[in-house]
Amino acid sequence: MTPVKDAPSPKAVEIDCARRDHRAVVTHVGGPGEDARRWIAPLEEVVAALERNEVRYFVSHGAQQFGLRVKDGELATMIDDGWSVRSLPACRDSR
């Protein structure tokens, strides 16, 4: 029997900020990217990429990093600690 090789693990990307609409609903999330550039993407795209296992996302709390998953259509930490995407600070405008 030939052992099954695991697929390469998707890269891990940090989320550390959010953009909100006029009703304070989170519409985009972002974080530090490659080459010291920041990234920002629509929340729906981030959720879809996570569901397809294309990318792993995480948030940092002090020195700890918590992996994210999709729970009930929203981002949640893998260890249920009450974190919410609504708790992210606003993204700096990179323009």
Protein backbone atom coordinates (compact mmCIF):
# COMPACT_ATOMS: atom_id res chain seq x y z
CA MET A 1 0.00 0.00 0.00
CA THR A 2 1.37 3.41 -0.98
CA PRO A 3 1.09 6.04 1.73
CA VAL A 4 -1.05 9.04 0.87
CA LYS A 5 0.91 12.25 0.88
CA ASP A 6 -0.68 15.21 2.58
CA ALA A 7 -1.32 18.23 0.43
CA PRO A 8 0.93 21.16 1.23
CA SER A 9 -0.43 23.32 3.98
CA PRO A 10 -1.83 26.64 2.79
CA LYS A 11 0.08 29.70 3.90
CA ALA A 12 -0.90 31.44 7.12
CA VAL A 13 -1.98 35.07 6.86
CA GLU A 14 -2.53 37.43 9.78
CA ILE A 15 -5.69 39.51 10.10
CA ASP A 16 -5.27 42.55 12.32
CA CYS A 17 -7.79 45.16 11.15
CA ALA A 18 -11.23 45.71 9.64
CA ARG A 19 -13.05 48.23 7.49
CA ARG A 20 -16.64 49.01 8.27
CA ASP A 21 -19.51 50.51 6.32
CA HIS A 22 -21.66 53.45 7.47
CA ARG A 23 -23.66 51.06 9.70
CA ALA A 24 -20.45 49.78 11.42
CA VAL A 25 -20.76 46.39 9.69
CA VAL A 26 -17.37 44.82 8.87
CA THR A 27 -17.00 44.66 5.09
CA HIS A 28 -13.24 44.09 4.67
CA VAL A 29 -10.37 42.72 6.73
CA GLY A 30 -6.65 43.20 6.33
CA GLY A 31 -3.23 42.69 7.80
CA PRO A 32 0.50 42.69 7.23
CA GLY A 33 1.57 41.24 3.92
CA GLU A 34 4.71 40.34 2.07
CA ASP A 35 7.38 42.96 1.38
CA ALA A 36 6.12 45.12 4.28
CA ARG A 37 2.95 45.92 2.33
CA ARG A 38 -0.46 45.64 3.89
CA TRP A 39 -3.34 43.75 2.30
CA ILE A 40 -7.09 44.25 2.53
CA ALA A 41 -9.84 42.06 1.08
CA PRO A 42 -13.62 41.81 1.23
CA LEU A 43 -14.75 39.75 4.21
CA GLU A 44 -16.79 37.45 1.95
CA GLU A 45 -13.67 36.57 -0.09
CA VAL A 46 -11.68 35.81 3.06
CA VAL A 47 -14.44 33.53 4.37
CA ALA A 48 -14.72 31.75 1.01
CA ALA A 49 -10.93 31.21 0.74
CA LEU A 50 -10.87 29.82 4.28
CA GLU A 51 -13.78 27.47 3.53
CA ARG A 52 -11.96 26.22 0.41
CA ASN A 53 -8.81 25.69 2.52
CA GLU A 54 -6.82 27.93 0.17
CA VAL A 55 -5.44 30.09 2.97
CA ARG A 56 -5.14 29.81 6.73
CA TYR A 57 -5.87 32.98 8.69
CA PHE A 58 -4.95 33.88 12.25
CA VAL A 59 -5.23 36.72 14.74
CA SER A 60 -2.72 37.65 17.43
CA HIS A 61 -3.55 38.34 21.06
CA GLY A 62 -0.33 39.53 22.66
CA ALA A 63 2.26 36.82 22.08
CA GLN A 64 -0.34 34.18 21.18
CA GLN A 65 -1.68 33.41 17.71
CA PHE A 66 -5.13 31.92 17.20
CA GLY A 67 -6.12 30.16 13.99
CA LEU A 68 -9.41 31.17 12.42
CA ARG A 69 -12.24 29.04 11.08
CA VAL A 70 -15.67 29.69 9.64
CA LYS A 71 -18.52 29.18 12.10
CA ASP A 72 -22.09 29.97 11.07
CA GLY A 73 -20.77 31.92 8.07
CA GLU A 74 -18.51 34.16 10.15
CA LEU A 75 -14.85 34.14 11.17
CA ALA A 76 -14.22 32.63 14.58
CA THR A 77 -11.13 31.47 16.44
CA MET A 78 -10.51 27.72 16.48
CA ILE A 79 -10.54 27.85 20.27
CA ASP A 80 -13.84 29.50 21.18
CA ASP A 81 -12.61 32.44 23.24
CA GLY A 82 -15.32 34.96 22.36
CA TRP A 83 -13.25 36.75 19.69
CA SER A 84 -15.24 38.44 16.96
CA VAL A 85 -14.25 40.09 13.70
CA ARG A 86 -16.16 43.10 15.07
CA SER A 87 -13.46 43.50 17.74
CA LEU A 88 -10.74 44.29 15.17
CA PRO A 89 -9.43 47.85 15.07
CA ALA A 90 -9.97 49.96 11.95
CA CYS A 91 -7.53 49.45 9.09
CA ARG A 92 -5.24 52.37 8.37
CA ASP A 93 -5.90 54.00 5.04
CA SER A 94 -3.01 52.95 2.79
CA ARG A 95 -3.66 55.61 0.13
